[in-house]
Amino acid sequence: MTEQPPSVGDDDIIRVDQTDKRSAAPFIAAAVVAVIVLVAVVLGGVLSPAEKNVTDSDRIVAAVRNFVEGSNATVAVPPPGTACQGFDAARSPLAGQAGAGKSVEITKLDNPMVDGDKGKATVTTKVDGTSTTKTWNLTRSGSKWLVCT
């Protein structure tokens, strides 16, 4: 007795639909989202540029750094464009430290404070291995902060 395998009838055949029904909709949607994000980034940069996000404390820190860099680059006391009207070189925050080819380095800058058009910062400078900590006074002139005595 031999068994025969069951015969395959029309009811047992599994038909697979292999027609391609892909759509471009997901790709178009992704492209639209990418364009919207790109436009938002560009508009954000134009309407709120980074230089407008700078605080007065950041500007005070920049003014102190500009004064020190100017002192290192020139023998003029104060360096041009870094000090307020009536600046007294004898009462300069770097008096007795800078000059004669000495390079001034800012090692610490703490507590930049703003009170209207006046500002202060505690600055530690180092010249020839000697550190000095002083409170620097600054005044706002327009949108720029200047070192004062």
C-alpha atoms as a PDB file:
ATOM      1  CA  MET A   1       0.000   0.000   0.000  1.00  0.00           C
ATOM      2  CA  THR A   2       1.405   3.172  -1.016  1.00  0.00           C
ATOM      3  CA  GLU A   3       0.026   6.436   0.043  1.00  0.00           C
ATOM      4  CA  GLN A   4      -0.352   9.160  -2.409  1.00  0.00           C
ATOM      5  CA  PRO A   5       0.134  12.748  -1.437  1.00  0.00           C
ATOM      6  CA  PRO A   6      -3.072  14.692  -1.352  1.00  0.00           C
ATOM      7  CA  SER A   7      -3.746  16.515  -4.531  1.00  0.00           C
ATOM      8  CA  VAL A   8      -3.718  20.274  -4.546  1.00  0.00           C
ATOM      9  CA  GLY A   9      -7.068  21.702  -5.379  1.00  0.00           C
ATOM     10  CA  ASP A  10      -8.048  25.191  -6.417  1.00  0.00           C
ATOM     11  CA  ASP A  11      -9.099  26.000  -2.868  1.00  0.00           C
ATOM     12  CA  ASP A  12      -5.661  25.316  -1.414  1.00  0.00           C
ATOM     13  CA  ILE A  13      -3.660  27.711  -3.631  1.00  0.00           C
ATOM     14  CA  ILE A  14      -2.524  30.924  -1.946  1.00  0.00           C
ATOM     15  CA  ARG A  15      -2.448  33.784  -4.333  1.00  0.00           C
ATOM     16  CA  VAL A  16       0.022  36.619  -3.632  1.00  0.00           C
ATOM     17  CA  ASP A  17      -0.672  40.040  -5.085  1.00  0.00           C
ATOM     18  CA  GLN A  18       2.663  41.337  -6.329  1.00  0.00           C
ATOM     19  CA  THR A  19       1.531  44.535  -7.906  1.00  0.00           C
ATOM     20  CA  ASP A  20       3.506  47.565  -6.757  1.00  0.00           C
ATOM     21  CA  LYS A  21       1.315  49.958  -4.795  1.00  0.00           C
ATOM     22  CA  ARG A  22       3.978  52.295  -3.385  1.00  0.00           C
ATOM     23  CA  SER A  23       3.224  55.936  -2.817  1.00  0.00           C
ATOM     24  CA  ALA A  24       5.395  59.046  -2.855  1.00  0.00           C
ATOM     25  CA  ALA A  25       3.333  60.608  -0.050  1.00  0.00           C
ATOM     26  CA  PRO A  26       5.747  59.742   2.830  1.00  0.00           C
ATOM     27  CA  PHE A  27       8.700  61.183   0.929  1.00  0.00           C
ATOM     28  CA  ILE A  28       6.825  64.353   0.047  1.00  0.00           C
ATOM     29  CA  ALA A  29       5.676  64.754   3.663  1.00  0.00           C
ATOM     30  CA  ALA A  30       9.275  64.351   4.911  1.00  0.00           C
ATOM     31  CA  ALA A  31      10.499  66.934   2.403  1.00  0.00           C
ATOM     32  CA  VAL A  32       7.791  69.405   3.482  1.00  0.00           C
ATOM     33  CA  VAL A  33       8.721  68.957   7.159  1.00  0.00           C
ATOM     34  CA  ALA A  34      12.426  69.460   6.335  1.00  0.00           C
ATOM     35  CA  VAL A  35      11.641  72.672   4.430  1.00  0.00           C
ATOM     36  CA  ILE A  36       9.506  73.985   7.316  1.00  0.00           C
ATOM     37  CA  VAL A  37      12.307  73.303   9.837  1.00  0.00           C
ATOM     38  CA  LEU A  38      14.877  74.962   7.562  1.00  0.00           C
ATOM     39  CA  VAL A  39      12.696  78.057   7.127  1.00  0.00           C
ATOM     40  CA  ALA A  40      12.155  78.247  10.921  1.00  0.00           C
ATOM     41  CA  VAL A  41      15.922  78.096  11.564  1.00  0.00           C
ATOM     42  CA  VAL A  42      16.657  80.814   8.991  1.00  0.00           C
ATOM     43  CA  LEU A  43      13.890  83.072  10.314  1.00  0.00           C
ATOM     44  CA  GLY A  44      15.107  82.521  13.872  1.00  0.00           C
ATOM     45  CA  GLY A  45      18.611  83.590  12.896  1.00  0.00           C
ATOM     46  CA  VAL A  46      17.396  86.680  11.056  1.00  0.00           C
ATOM     47  CA  LEU A  47      14.861  87.832  13.637  1.00  0.00           C
ATOM     48  CA  SER A  48      16.989  87.083  16.717  1.00  0.00           C
ATOM     49  CA  PRO A  49      20.700  87.213  15.835  1.00  0.00           C
ATOM     50  CA  ALA A  50      23.193  85.898  18.386  1.00  0.00           C
ATOM     51  CA  GLU A  51      24.765  89.319  19.011  1.00  0.00           C
ATOM     52  CA  LYS A  52      21.433  90.496  20.434  1.00  0.00           C
ATOM     53  CA  ASN A  53      21.534  87.678  22.987  1.00  0.00           C
ATOM     54  CA  VAL A  54      24.624  89.118  24.701  1.00  0.00           C
ATOM     55  CA  THR A  55      23.980  90.282  28.255  1.00  0.00           C
ATOM     56  CA  ASP A  56      25.461  93.367  29.909  1.00  0.00           C
ATOM     57  CA  SER A  57      27.588  91.057  32.061  1.00  0.00           C
ATOM     58  CA  ASP A  58      29.036  89.531  28.879  1.00  0.00           C
ATOM     59  CA  ARG A  59      29.745  93.031  27.553  1.00  0.00           C
ATOM     60  CA  ILE A  60      31.534  93.979  30.792  1.00  0.00           C
ATOM     61  CA  VAL A  61      33.712  90.866  30.517  1.00  0.00           C
ATOM     62  CA  ALA A  62      34.481  91.769  26.891  1.00  0.00           C
ATOM     63  CA  ALA A  63      35.369  95.375  27.864  1.00  0.00           C
ATOM     64  CA  VAL A  64      37.827  94.163  30.510  1.00  0.00           C
ATOM     65  CA  ARG A  65      39.412  91.715  28.050  1.00  0.00           C
ATOM     66  CA  ASN A  66      39.665  94.442  25.377  1.00  0.00           C
ATOM     67  CA  PHE A  67      41.359  96.792  27.877  1.00  0.00           C
ATOM     68  CA  VAL A  68      43.926  94.132  28.850  1.00  0.00           C
ATOM     69  CA  GLU A  69      44.553  93.063  25.247  1.00  0.00           C
ATOM     70  CA  GLY A  70      44.957  96.719  24.282  1.00  0.00           C
ATOM     71  CA  SER A  71      47.414  97.240  27.142  1.00  0.00           C
ATOM     72  CA  ASN A  72      49.435  94.272  25.907  1.00  0.00           C
ATOM     73  CA  ALA A  73      49.397  95.545  22.313  1.00  0.00           C
ATOM     74  CA  THR A  74      50.231  99.230  22.870  1.00  0.00           C
ATOM     75  CA  VAL A  75      52.120 101.483  25.259  1.00  0.00           C
ATOM     76  CA  ALA A  76      49.250 103.995  25.272  1.00  0.00           C
ATOM     77  CA  VAL A  77      47.475 104.261  28.623  1.00  0.00           C
ATOM     78  CA  PRO A  78      44.587 103.763  28.296  1.00  0.00           C
ATOM     79  CA  PRO A  79      44.462 101.746  25.089  1.00  0.00           C
ATOM     80  CA  PRO A  80      42.440 103.659  22.466  1.00  0.00           C
ATOM     81  CA  GLY A  81      38.701 103.072  22.597  1.00  0.00           C
ATOM     82  CA  THR A  82      38.713 101.096  25.850  1.00  0.00           C
ATOM     83  CA  ALA A  83      38.425 103.769  28.570  1.00  0.00           C
ATOM     84  CA  CYS A  84      35.925 106.444  29.520  1.00  0.00           C
ATOM     85  CA  GLN A  85      36.404 110.215  29.395  1.00  0.00           C
ATOM     86  CA  GLY A  86      38.636 111.534  32.172  1.00  0.00           C
ATOM     87  CA  PHE A  87      40.494 108.240  32.620  1.00  0.00           C
ATOM     88  CA  ASP A  88      43.372 108.745  35.082  1.00  0.00           C
ATOM     89  CA  ALA A  89      46.353 106.546  34.134  1.00  0.00           C
ATOM     90  CA  ALA A  90      47.719 106.771  37.693  1.00  0.00           C
ATOM     91  CA  ARG A  91      44.480 105.189  39.006  1.00  0.00           C
ATOM     92  CA  SER A  92      44.237 102.614  36.220  1.00  0.00           C
ATOM     93  CA  PRO A  93      43.317  99.085  37.323  1.00  0.00           C
ATOM     94  CA  LEU A  94      46.640  98.026  35.791  1.00  0.00           C
ATOM     95  CA  ALA A  95      48.686 100.878  37.308  1.00  0.00           C
ATOM     96  CA  GLY A  96      52.098  99.600  38.342  1.00  0.00           C
ATOM     97  CA  GLN A  97      51.592  96.273  36.588  1.00  0.00           C
ATOM     98  CA  ALA A  98      51.511  96.908  32.854  1.00  0.00           C
ATOM     99  CA  GLY A  99      54.057  98.588  30.651  1.00  0.00           C
ATOM    100  CA  ALA A 100      57.754  98.164  29.871  1.00  0.00           C
ATOM    101  CA  GLY A 101      57.057  95.073  27.751  1.00  0.00           C
ATOM    102  CA  LYS A 102      55.188  93.247  30.510  1.00  0.00           C
ATOM    103  CA  SER A 103      52.343  91.062  29.380  1.00  0.00           C
ATOM    104  CA  VAL A 104      49.157  91.130  31.458  1.00  0.00           C
ATOM    105  CA  GLU A 105      47.056  87.985  31.737  1.00  0.00           C
ATOM    106  CA  ILE A 106      43.531  87.764  33.150  1.00  0.00           C
ATOM    107  CA  THR A 107      43.426  84.719  35.397  1.00  0.00           C
ATOM    108  CA  LYS A 108      39.981  85.259  36.913  1.00  0.00           C
ATOM    109  CA  LEU A 109      37.017  87.533  36.242  1.00  0.00           C
ATOM    110  CA  ASP A 110      34.190  87.320  38.789  1.00  0.00           C
ATOM    111  CA  ASN A 111      30.945  89.027  39.666  1.00  0.00           C
ATOM    112  CA  PRO A 112      30.294  91.298  36.691  1.00  0.00           C
ATOM    113  CA  MET A 113      27.515  93.520  38.044  1.00  0.00           C
ATOM    114  CA  VAL A 114      25.413  96.167  36.329  1.00  0.00           C
ATOM    115  CA  ASP A 115      23.628  99.085  37.989  1.00  0.00           C
ATOM    116  CA  GLY A 116      22.137 101.252  35.253  1.00  0.00           C
ATOM    117  CA  ASP A 117      25.035 102.718  33.238  1.00  0.00           C
ATOM    118  CA  LYS A 118      27.637 101.710  35.847  1.00  0.00           C
ATOM    119  CA  GLY A 119      29.262  98.337  36.173  1.00  0.00           C
ATOM    120  CA  LYS A 120      31.852  96.526  38.276  1.00  0.00           C
ATOM    121  CA  ALA A 121      33.816  93.316  38.028  1.00  0.00           C
ATOM    122  CA  THR A 122      36.373  91.650  40.281  1.00  0.00           C
ATOM    123  CA  VAL A 123      39.391  90.929  38.086  1.00  0.00           C
ATOM    124  CA  THR A 124      42.515  88.954  38.945  1.00  0.00           C
ATOM    125  CA  THR A 125      45.464  89.716  36.681  1.00  0.00           C
ATOM    126  CA  LYS A 126      48.890  88.157  36.527  1.00  0.00           C
ATOM    127  CA  VAL A 127      52.059  89.986  35.479  1.00  0.00           C
ATOM    128  CA  ASP A 128      55.517  88.412  35.754  1.00  0.00           C
ATOM    129  CA  GLY A 129      54.123  85.679  38.027  1.00  0.00           C
ATOM    130  CA  THR A 130      52.509  88.129  40.468  1.00  0.00           C
ATOM    131  CA  SER A 131      48.726  88.038  40.804  1.00  0.00           C
ATOM    132  CA  THR A 132      46.655  91.059  41.778  1.00  0.00           C
ATOM    133  CA  THR A 133      42.908  91.215  42.408  1.00  0.00           C
ATOM    134  CA  LYS A 134      41.050  94.512  42.018  1.00  0.00           C
ATOM    135  CA  THR A 135      37.523  95.736  41.461  1.00  0.00           C
ATOM    136  CA  TRP A 136      37.290  97.356  38.044  1.00  0.00           C
ATOM    137  CA  ASN A 137      34.739 100.120  37.424  1.00  0.00           C
ATOM    138  CA  LEU A 138      33.073 100.484  34.061  1.00  0.00           C
ATOM    139  CA  THR A 139      30.632 102.904  32.449  1.00  0.00           C
ATOM    140  CA  ARG A 140      28.254 102.313  29.573  1.00  0.00           C
ATOM    141  CA  SER A 141      28.725 104.674  26.645  1.00  0.00           C
ATOM    142  CA  GLY A 142      25.992 103.976  24.123  1.00  0.00           C
ATOM    143  CA  SER A 143      26.029 100.208  23.686  1.00  0.00           C
ATOM    144  CA  LYS A 144      29.700  99.896  24.652  1.00  0.00           C
ATOM    145  CA  TRP A 145      31.209  99.417  28.110  1.00  0.00           C
ATOM    146  CA  LEU A 146      34.400 101.328  28.943  1.00  0.00           C
ATOM    147  CA  VAL A 147      36.882 100.932  31.818  1.00  0.00           C
ATOM    148  CA  CYS A 148      36.954 103.898  34.227  1.00  0.00           C
ATOM    149  CA  THR A 149      38.991 104.940  37.238  1.00  0.00           C
END
